[in-house]
Amino acid sequence: MDLSFYYDLICKQPLLTKEQEYKLLETYHSVDSTPKEKTKARDVLIHSNLRFAFKRAKILSRGNVDQFEELISAGNEGLLAAIDKFKPSKDVRFLTYAGWWVRQRQFKLMAGMRLVAVPIWKQQLASRIMKAVESFEEPPSIAQLQSVLPDVPEKYLRELSGTRYLTFFMEDMHEDEVIQHSFVDELVEDIDEELLKRKMNKILTPEELRIISDNFGLDDGIDLPLIKIAENMNLSKDDTRNLRRSAINKLRKEFLTKN
């Protein structure tokens, strides 16, 4: 694939208004639409959002062309998955919802790339540890984890709770969290990256900026869960969540009220 040609091609696809998205989604989900009408509506909606999948893939691939192409494909699959689940009644932009599905598919691919030499049992153990970590209100100590996972050796608790194995297990996020979590994705798609960063530096506090950057992977493409951010910043999970909410509200006020 000629990536430069592909990017130029998808950039020629016009961005849609919310009203245009609504009509396309209505057509796609309507029982009265013909298969041809559904296919056309789906294609127009998907093509208008391919740039986002491309940008996320570029960040994650870090210059590896083979991974770049695979990540683009995974992101496009995320868009297709999102359109099947998204209904106009959600009253948010399509990408606000679909952005999470793009990242979910790309992270699953990255997980496969990164964990290819890791035994299945270790991946399953990482998933168990993640669930245990999230059962605590604040980042737990190793001793606390041992109290709920007495059968897991300490060395694995330290290894798997302190790495990004846990980043990739994203399947069970509630739909409301998906919409909130993906709001910044829409900004990344619609606004020049450098402009977005300048605006964020101006309107967010340093703590808010770090939380948003880490949680949405704006610097390295890897989304950190709130509990890991809280641990890294020596904050409670509730304080971290409140700071993220405050930052998102500021971004909404800054960008949505001016569009």
C-alpha atoms as a PDB file:
ATOM      1  CA  MET A   1       0.000   0.000   0.000  1.00  0.00           C
ATOM      2  CA  ASP A   2       1.274   3.471  -0.919  1.00  0.00           C
ATOM      3  CA  LEU A   3       0.484   5.150   2.408  1.00  0.00           C
ATOM      4  CA  SER A   4       1.027   8.693   1.133  1.00  0.00           C
ATOM      5  CA  PHE A   5      -1.358   8.106  -1.764  1.00  0.00           C
ATOM      6  CA  TYR A   6      -3.871   6.447   0.576  1.00  0.00           C
ATOM      7  CA  TYR A   7      -3.760   9.372   3.020  1.00  0.00           C
ATOM      8  CA  ASP A   8      -4.180  11.911   0.213  1.00  0.00           C
ATOM      9  CA  LEU A   9      -7.140   9.890  -1.034  1.00  0.00           C
ATOM     10  CA  ILE A  10      -8.953   9.697   2.292  1.00  0.00           C
ATOM     11  CA  CYS A  11      -8.314  13.386   2.974  1.00  0.00           C
ATOM     12  CA  LYS A  12     -10.384  14.161  -0.106  1.00  0.00           C
ATOM     13  CA  GLN A  13     -13.410  12.616   1.582  1.00  0.00           C
ATOM     14  CA  PRO A  14     -15.578  15.466   2.922  1.00  0.00           C
ATOM     15  CA  LEU A  15     -16.240  15.663   6.653  1.00  0.00           C
ATOM     16  CA  LEU A  16     -19.891  15.260   7.569  1.00  0.00           C
ATOM     17  CA  THR A  17     -22.101  17.438   9.716  1.00  0.00           C
ATOM     18  CA  LYS A  18     -23.962  15.892  12.617  1.00  0.00           C
ATOM     19  CA  GLU A  19     -27.193  16.177  10.623  1.00  0.00           C
ATOM     20  CA  GLN A  20     -25.665  14.343   7.646  1.00  0.00           C
ATOM     21  CA  GLU A  21     -24.426  11.584   9.957  1.00  0.00           C
ATOM     22  CA  TYR A  22     -27.891  11.301  11.471  1.00  0.00           C
ATOM     23  CA  LYS A  23     -29.531  10.804   8.060  1.00  0.00           C
ATOM     24  CA  LEU A  24     -26.943   8.216   7.004  1.00  0.00           C
ATOM     25  CA  LEU A  25     -27.355   6.290  10.252  1.00  0.00           C
ATOM     26  CA  GLU A  26     -31.123   6.389   9.916  1.00  0.00           C
ATOM     27  CA  THR A  27     -30.831   4.948   6.435  1.00  0.00           C
ATOM     28  CA  TYR A  28     -28.352   2.282   7.543  1.00  0.00           C
ATOM     29  CA  HIS A  29     -30.470   1.077  10.470  1.00  0.00           C
ATOM     30  CA  SER A  30     -33.886   1.456   8.841  1.00  0.00           C
ATOM     31  CA  VAL A  31     -35.767  -1.750   8.042  1.00  0.00           C
ATOM     32  CA  ASP A  32     -37.220   0.063   5.035  1.00  0.00           C
ATOM     33  CA  SER A  33     -33.843   0.731   3.393  1.00  0.00           C
ATOM     34  CA  THR A  34     -32.674  -1.512   0.572  1.00  0.00           C
ATOM     35  CA  PRO A  35     -29.324  -3.358   0.868  1.00  0.00           C
ATOM     36  CA  LYS A  36     -27.883  -0.962  -1.720  1.00  0.00           C
ATOM     37  CA  GLU A  37     -29.020   2.084   0.263  1.00  0.00           C
ATOM     38  CA  LYS A  38     -27.596   0.622   3.474  1.00  0.00           C
ATOM     39  CA  THR A  39     -24.257  -0.120   1.829  1.00  0.00           C
ATOM     40  CA  LYS A  40     -24.008   3.380   0.352  1.00  0.00           C
ATOM     41  CA  ALA A  41     -24.870   5.038   3.700  1.00  0.00           C
ATOM     42  CA  ARG A  42     -22.323   2.882   5.523  1.00  0.00           C
ATOM     43  CA  ASP A  43     -19.563   3.591   3.004  1.00  0.00           C
ATOM     44  CA  VAL A  44     -20.060   7.364   3.080  1.00  0.00           C
ATOM     45  CA  LEU A  45     -20.024   7.409   6.886  1.00  0.00           C
ATOM     46  CA  ILE A  46     -16.959   5.165   7.138  1.00  0.00           C
ATOM     47  CA  HIS A  47     -14.976   6.972   4.435  1.00  0.00           C
ATOM     48  CA  SER A  48     -15.494  10.333   6.145  1.00  0.00           C
ATOM     49  CA  ASN A  49     -13.807   8.975   9.307  1.00  0.00           C
ATOM     50  CA  LEU A  50     -10.879   7.016   7.838  1.00  0.00           C
ATOM     51  CA  ARG A  51      -8.467   9.829   8.706  1.00  0.00           C
ATOM     52  CA  PHE A  52      -8.906   9.160  12.395  1.00  0.00           C
ATOM     53  CA  ALA A  53      -8.027   5.461  12.066  1.00  0.00           C
ATOM     54  CA  PHE A  54      -5.004   6.472   9.966  1.00  0.00           C
ATOM     55  CA  LYS A  55      -3.732   9.007  12.509  1.00  0.00           C
ATOM     56  CA  ARG A  56      -4.080   6.570  15.415  1.00  0.00           C
ATOM     57  CA  ALA A  57      -2.288   3.870  13.431  1.00  0.00           C
ATOM     58  CA  LYS A  58       0.560   6.261  12.614  1.00  0.00           C
ATOM     59  CA  ILE A  59       1.113   7.054  16.294  1.00  0.00           C
ATOM     60  CA  LEU A  60       1.026   3.414  17.373  1.00  0.00           C
ATOM     61  CA  SER A  61       3.224   2.055  14.574  1.00  0.00           C
ATOM     62  CA  ARG A  62       6.179   4.325  15.412  1.00  0.00           C
ATOM     63  CA  GLY A  63       7.552   4.132  11.885  1.00  0.00           C
ATOM     64  CA  ASN A  64       7.094   0.378  11.347  1.00  0.00           C
ATOM     65  CA  VAL A  65       5.433   0.275   7.915  1.00  0.00           C
ATOM     66  CA  ASP A  66       4.146  -3.300   8.217  1.00  0.00           C
ATOM     67  CA  GLN A  67       2.533  -2.573  11.582  1.00  0.00           C
ATOM     68  CA  PHE A  68       1.215   0.727  10.234  1.00  0.00           C
ATOM     69  CA  GLU A  69      -0.767  -1.039   7.505  1.00  0.00           C
ATOM     70  CA  GLU A  70      -2.106  -3.671   9.902  1.00  0.00           C
ATOM     71  CA  LEU A  71      -3.143  -0.991  12.397  1.00  0.00           C
ATOM     72  CA  ILE A  72      -4.941   0.976   9.681  1.00  0.00           C
ATOM     73  CA  SER A  73      -6.905  -2.159   8.795  1.00  0.00           C
ATOM     74  CA  ALA A  74      -7.686  -2.826  12.459  1.00  0.00           C
ATOM     75  CA  GLY A  75      -8.893   0.749  12.923  1.00  0.00           C
ATOM     76  CA  ASN A  76     -11.104   0.508   9.862  1.00  0.00           C
ATOM     77  CA  GLU A  77     -12.605  -2.686  11.304  1.00  0.00           C
ATOM     78  CA  GLY A  78     -13.368  -0.675  14.440  1.00  0.00           C
ATOM     79  CA  LEU A  79     -15.306   1.859  12.381  1.00  0.00           C
ATOM     80  CA  LEU A  80     -17.333  -0.935  10.800  1.00  0.00           C
ATOM     81  CA  ALA A  81     -18.065  -2.455  14.213  1.00  0.00           C
ATOM     82  CA  ALA A  82     -19.160   0.920  15.576  1.00  0.00           C
ATOM     83  CA  ILE A  83     -21.656   1.672  12.834  1.00  0.00           C
ATOM     84  CA  ASP A  84     -23.494  -1.578  13.580  1.00  0.00           C
ATOM     85  CA  LYS A  85     -23.860  -0.631  17.254  1.00  0.00           C
ATOM     86  CA  PHE A  86     -24.354   3.124  16.991  1.00  0.00           C
ATOM     87  CA  LYS A  87     -27.862   4.591  16.755  1.00  0.00           C
ATOM     88  CA  PRO A  88     -28.781   8.227  15.984  1.00  0.00           C
ATOM     89  CA  SER A  89     -30.725   8.346  19.254  1.00  0.00           C
ATOM     90  CA  LYS A  90     -27.412   8.563  21.162  1.00  0.00           C
ATOM     91  CA  ASP A  91     -27.310  12.255  20.141  1.00  0.00           C
ATOM     92  CA  VAL A  92     -23.516  12.445  19.884  1.00  0.00           C
ATOM     93  CA  ARG A  93     -21.232  12.595  16.868  1.00  0.00           C
ATOM     94  CA  PHE A  94     -20.447   9.244  15.328  1.00  0.00           C
ATOM     95  CA  LEU A  95     -16.710   9.525  15.954  1.00  0.00           C
ATOM     96  CA  THR A  96     -17.297  10.334  19.624  1.00  0.00           C
ATOM     97  CA  TYR A  97     -18.619   6.797  19.881  1.00  0.00           C
ATOM     98  CA  ALA A  98     -16.627   5.092  17.123  1.00  0.00           C
ATOM     99  CA  GLY A  99     -13.244   6.366  18.318  1.00  0.00           C
ATOM    100  CA  TRP A 100     -13.238   3.866  21.159  1.00  0.00           C
ATOM    101  CA  TRP A 101     -13.934   0.981  18.787  1.00  0.00           C
ATOM    102  CA  VAL A 102     -11.074   2.074  16.533  1.00  0.00           C
ATOM    103  CA  ARG A 103      -8.666   2.110  19.449  1.00  0.00           C
ATOM    104  CA  GLN A 104     -10.049  -1.138  20.865  1.00  0.00           C
ATOM    105  CA  ARG A 105      -9.353  -2.979  17.605  1.00  0.00           C
ATOM    106  CA  GLN A 106      -5.906  -1.418  17.267  1.00  0.00           C
ATOM    107  CA  PHE A 107      -4.995  -2.216  20.863  1.00  0.00           C
ATOM    108  CA  LYS A 108      -6.079  -5.825  20.399  1.00  0.00           C
ATOM    109  CA  LEU A 109      -3.772  -6.038  17.406  1.00  0.00           C
ATOM    110  CA  MET A 110      -0.940  -4.443  19.400  1.00  0.00           C
ATOM    111  CA  ALA A 111      -1.578  -6.890  22.213  1.00  0.00           C
ATOM    112  CA  GLY A 112      -1.154  -9.755  19.782  1.00  0.00           C
ATOM    113  CA  MET A 113       2.057  -8.254  18.449  1.00  0.00           C
ATOM    114  CA  ARG A 114       3.499  -7.596  21.884  1.00  0.00           C
ATOM    115  CA  LEU A 115       2.336 -10.745  23.648  1.00  0.00           C
ATOM    116  CA  VAL A 116       3.112 -13.230  20.894  1.00  0.00           C
ATOM    117  CA  ALA A 117       5.870 -14.847  22.974  1.00  0.00           C
ATOM    118  CA  VAL A 118       3.845 -14.731  26.208  1.00  0.00           C
ATOM    119  CA  PRO A 119       2.005 -17.925  27.197  1.00  0.00           C
ATOM    120  CA  ILE A 120      -1.793 -17.865  27.190  1.00  0.00           C
ATOM    121  CA  TRP A 121      -1.869 -18.553  30.911  1.00  0.00           C
ATOM    122  CA  LYS A 122       0.117 -15.377  31.526  1.00  0.00           C
ATOM    123  CA  GLN A 123      -2.257 -13.293  29.442  1.00  0.00           C
ATOM    124  CA  GLN A 124      -5.185 -14.760  31.379  1.00  0.00           C
ATOM    125  CA  LEU A 125      -3.380 -14.043  34.632  1.00  0.00           C
ATOM    126  CA  ALA A 126      -2.898 -10.407  33.568  1.00  0.00           C
ATOM    127  CA  SER A 127      -6.643 -10.178  32.986  1.00  0.00           C
ATOM    128  CA  ARG A 128      -7.360 -11.563  36.482  1.00  0.00           C
ATOM    129  CA  ILE A 129      -4.955  -9.089  38.045  1.00  0.00           C
ATOM    130  CA  MET A 130      -6.544  -6.184  36.167  1.00  0.00           C
ATOM    131  CA  LYS A 131      -9.972  -7.075  37.507  1.00  0.00           C
ATOM    132  CA  ALA A 132      -8.548  -7.278  41.029  1.00  0.00           C
ATOM    133  CA  VAL A 133      -6.815  -3.905  40.645  1.00  0.00           C
ATOM    134  CA  GLU A 134     -10.041  -2.270  39.498  1.00  0.00           C
ATOM    135  CA  SER A 135     -11.957  -3.636  42.488  1.00  0.00           C
ATOM    136  CA  PHE A 136     -10.083  -1.199  44.733  1.00  0.00           C
ATOM    137  CA  GLU A 137     -11.034   2.468  45.066  1.00  0.00           C
ATOM    138  CA  GLU A 138      -7.361   3.473  44.990  1.00  0.00           C
ATOM    139  CA  PRO A 139      -4.298   1.807  43.439  1.00  0.00           C
ATOM    140  CA  PRO A 140      -3.648  -1.250  45.638  1.00  0.00           C
ATOM    141  CA  SER A 141      -0.351  -2.306  47.141  1.00  0.00           C
ATOM    142  CA  ILE A 142       1.126  -5.714  46.364  1.00  0.00           C
ATOM    143  CA  ALA A 143       0.010  -6.865  49.812  1.00  0.00           C
ATOM    144  CA  GLN A 144      -3.572  -5.837  49.061  1.00  0.00           C
ATOM    145  CA  LEU A 145      -3.477  -7.697  45.761  1.00  0.00           C
ATOM    146  CA  GLN A 146      -2.146 -10.767  47.554  1.00  0.00           C
ATOM    147  CA  SER A 147      -5.145 -10.630  49.902  1.00  0.00           C
ATOM    148  CA  VAL A 148      -7.571 -11.073  46.994  1.00  0.00           C
ATOM    149  CA  LEU A 149      -5.298 -13.232  44.810  1.00  0.00           C
ATOM    150  CA  PRO A 150      -3.575 -15.506  47.369  1.00  0.00           C
ATOM    151  CA  ASP A 151      -2.788 -18.129  44.712  1.00  0.00           C
ATOM    152  CA  VAL A 152      -0.778 -15.722  42.530  1.00  0.00           C
ATOM    153  CA  PRO A 153       2.986 -15.540  43.238  1.00  0.00           C
ATOM    154  CA  GLU A 154       4.218 -12.098  44.250  1.00  0.00           C
ATOM    155  CA  LYS A 155       6.616 -11.882  41.285  1.00  0.00           C
ATOM    156  CA  TYR A 156       3.690 -12.063  38.849  1.00  0.00           C
ATOM    157  CA  LEU A 157       1.682  -9.510  40.794  1.00  0.00           C
ATOM    158  CA  ARG A 158       4.600  -7.102  40.545  1.00  0.00           C
ATOM    159  CA  GLU A 159       5.315  -7.845  36.889  1.00  0.00           C
ATOM    160  CA  LEU A 160       1.803  -7.783  35.497  1.00  0.00           C
ATOM    161  CA  SER A 161       0.297  -4.978  37.599  1.00  0.00           C
ATOM    162  CA  GLY A 162       3.227  -2.693  36.783  1.00  0.00           C
ATOM    163  CA  THR A 163       3.265  -3.053  32.997  1.00  0.00           C
ATOM    164  CA  ARG A 164       1.019  -2.246  30.076  1.00  0.00           C
ATOM    165  CA  TYR A 165      -0.337  -5.767  29.798  1.00  0.00           C
ATOM    166  CA  LEU A 166      -3.386  -4.297  31.507  1.00  0.00           C
ATOM    167  CA  THR A 167      -3.875  -1.645  28.852  1.00  0.00           C
ATOM    168  CA  PHE A 168      -5.236  -4.100  26.351  1.00  0.00           C
ATOM    169  CA  PHE A 169      -8.169  -5.627  28.221  1.00  0.00           C
ATOM    170  CA  MET A 170     -10.898  -3.123  27.291  1.00  0.00           C
ATOM    171  CA  GLU A 171     -13.856  -5.335  26.371  1.00  0.00           C
ATOM    172  CA  ASP A 172     -16.241  -4.598  29.234  1.00  0.00           C
ATOM    173  CA  MET A 173     -16.369  -0.793  29.242  1.00  0.00           C
ATOM    174  CA  HIS A 174     -19.918   0.505  29.718  1.00  0.00           C
ATOM    175  CA  GLU A 175     -21.387   2.364  26.733  1.00  0.00           C
ATOM    176  CA  ASP A 176     -21.682   5.667  28.635  1.00  0.00           C
ATOM    177  CA  GLU A 177     -17.971   5.428  29.456  1.00  0.00           C
ATOM    178  CA  VAL A 178     -17.236   4.732  25.785  1.00  0.00           C
ATOM    179  CA  ILE A 179     -18.902   7.996  24.771  1.00  0.00           C
ATOM    180  CA  GLN A 180     -17.177  10.051  27.463  1.00  0.00           C
ATOM    181  CA  HIS A 181     -13.836   8.371  26.929  1.00  0.00           C
ATOM    182  CA  SER A 182     -13.901   9.002  23.170  1.00  0.00           C
ATOM    183  CA  PHE A 183     -14.743  12.711  23.204  1.00  0.00           C
ATOM    184  CA  VAL A 184     -11.112  13.733  22.675  1.00  0.00           C
ATOM    185  CA  ASP A 185     -10.952  11.407  19.655  1.00  0.00           C
ATOM    186  CA  GLU A 186     -13.399  13.685  17.864  1.00  0.00           C
ATOM    187  CA  LEU A 187     -11.208  16.690  18.641  1.00  0.00           C
ATOM    188  CA  VAL A 188      -8.133  14.892  17.283  1.00  0.00           C
ATOM    189  CA  GLU A 189     -10.006  14.211  14.040  1.00  0.00           C
ATOM    190  CA  ASP A 190     -11.492  17.685  13.591  1.00  0.00           C
ATOM    191  CA  ILE A 191      -8.689  19.922  14.856  1.00  0.00           C
ATOM    192  CA  ASP A 192      -5.042  20.279  13.921  1.00  0.00           C
ATOM    193  CA  GLU A 193      -2.928  18.415  16.472  1.00  0.00           C
ATOM    194  CA  GLU A 194      -0.620  21.323  17.232  1.00  0.00           C
ATOM    195  CA  LEU A 195      -3.576  23.671  17.680  1.00  0.00           C
ATOM    196  CA  LEU A 196      -5.245  21.169  20.001  1.00  0.00           C
ATOM    197  CA  LYS A 197      -2.103  20.869  22.124  1.00  0.00           C
ATOM    198  CA  ARG A 198      -1.708  24.639  22.346  1.00  0.00           C
ATOM    199  CA  LYS A 199      -5.339  25.020  23.409  1.00  0.00           C
ATOM    200  CA  MET A 200      -5.007  22.264  25.995  1.00  0.00           C
ATOM    201  CA  ASN A 201      -1.867  23.832  27.432  1.00  0.00           C
ATOM    202  CA  LYS A 202      -3.746  27.103  27.740  1.00  0.00           C
ATOM    203  CA  ILE A 203      -7.031  25.966  29.297  1.00  0.00           C
ATOM    204  CA  LEU A 204      -6.072  22.909  31.372  1.00  0.00           C
ATOM    205  CA  THR A 205      -4.124  22.747  34.598  1.00  0.00           C
ATOM    206  CA  PRO A 206      -0.868  20.738  34.486  1.00  0.00           C
ATOM    207  CA  GLU A 207      -2.559  17.849  36.317  1.00  0.00           C
ATOM    208  CA  GLU A 208      -5.556  17.854  33.953  1.00  0.00           C
ATOM    209  CA  LEU A 209      -3.274  18.013  30.940  1.00  0.00           C
ATOM    210  CA  ARG A 210      -1.237  15.027  32.099  1.00  0.00           C
ATOM    211  CA  ILE A 211      -4.349  12.973  32.861  1.00  0.00           C
ATOM    212  CA  ILE A 212      -5.932  13.694  29.475  1.00  0.00           C
ATOM    213  CA  SER A 213      -2.666  13.057  27.611  1.00  0.00           C
ATOM    214  CA  ASP A 214      -2.044   9.744  29.399  1.00  0.00           C
ATOM    215  CA  ASN A 215      -5.649   8.534  29.392  1.00  0.00           C
ATOM    216  CA  PHE A 216      -6.134   9.226  25.682  1.00  0.00           C
ATOM    217  CA  GLY A 217      -2.620   8.332  24.537  1.00  0.00           C
ATOM    218  CA  LEU A 218      -2.006  11.733  22.976  1.00  0.00           C
ATOM    219  CA  ASP A 219       1.776  11.519  23.338  1.00  0.00           C
ATOM    220  CA  ASP A 220       2.574   7.882  22.594  1.00  0.00           C
ATOM    221  CA  GLY A 221      -0.694   6.394  21.352  1.00  0.00           C
ATOM    222  CA  ILE A 222      -1.072   4.117  24.380  1.00  0.00           C
ATOM    223  CA  ASP A 223      -4.093   4.763  26.604  1.00  0.00           C
ATOM    224  CA  LEU A 224      -3.358   4.304  30.297  1.00  0.00           C
ATOM    225  CA  PRO A 225      -6.254   3.304  32.575  1.00  0.00           C
ATOM    226  CA  LEU A 226      -7.211   5.828  35.243  1.00  0.00           C
ATOM    227  CA  ILE A 227      -6.020   3.606  38.058  1.00  0.00           C
ATOM    228  CA  LYS A 228      -2.483   3.518  36.618  1.00  0.00           C
ATOM    229  CA  ILE A 229      -2.514   7.284  36.093  1.00  0.00           C
ATOM    230  CA  ALA A 230      -3.662   7.761  39.690  1.00  0.00           C
ATOM    231  CA  GLU A 231      -0.816   5.589  40.881  1.00  0.00           C
ATOM    232  CA  ASN A 232       1.758   7.400  38.729  1.00  0.00           C
ATOM    233  CA  MET A 233       0.553  10.808  39.953  1.00  0.00           C
ATOM    234  CA  ASN A 234       0.086   9.753  43.583  1.00  0.00           C
ATOM    235  CA  LEU A 235      -3.611  10.659  43.478  1.00  0.00           C
ATOM    236  CA  SER A 236      -6.744   8.790  44.530  1.00  0.00           C
ATOM    237  CA  LYS A 237      -8.792   7.218  41.753  1.00  0.00           C
ATOM    238  CA  ASP A 238     -11.725   9.516  42.562  1.00  0.00           C
ATOM    239  CA  ASP A 239      -9.538  12.629  42.400  1.00  0.00           C
ATOM    240  CA  THR A 240      -8.114  11.456  39.079  1.00  0.00           C
ATOM    241  CA  ARG A 241     -11.588  10.783  37.689  1.00  0.00           C
ATOM    242  CA  ASN A 242     -12.798  14.211  38.852  1.00  0.00           C
ATOM    243  CA  LEU A 243      -9.825  15.936  37.245  1.00  0.00           C
ATOM    244  CA  ARG A 244     -10.485  14.108  33.986  1.00  0.00           C
ATOM    245  CA  ARG A 245     -14.146  15.118  34.100  1.00  0.00           C
ATOM    246  CA  SER A 246     -13.154  18.737  34.755  1.00  0.00           C
ATOM    247  CA  ALA A 247     -10.722  18.677  31.829  1.00  0.00           C
ATOM    248  CA  ILE A 248     -13.285  17.182  29.449  1.00  0.00           C
ATOM    249  CA  ASN A 249     -15.865  19.778  30.490  1.00  0.00           C
ATOM    250  CA  LYS A 250     -13.362  22.553  29.769  1.00  0.00           C
ATOM    251  CA  LEU A 251     -12.612  21.058  26.350  1.00  0.00           C
ATOM    252  CA  ARG A 252     -16.304  20.735  25.566  1.00  0.00           C
ATOM    253  CA  LYS A 253     -16.886  24.364  26.524  1.00  0.00           C
ATOM    254  CA  GLU A 254     -13.885  25.537  24.514  1.00  0.00           C
ATOM    255  CA  PHE A 255     -14.605  23.627  21.322  1.00  0.00           C
ATOM    256  CA  LEU A 256     -18.257  22.623  21.177  1.00  0.00           C
ATOM    257  CA  THR A 257     -19.701  26.045  22.020  1.00  0.00           C
ATOM    258  CA  LYS A 258     -17.639  27.619  19.223  1.00  0.00           C
ATOM    259  CA  ASN A 259     -18.631  25.212  16.460  1.00  0.00           C
END
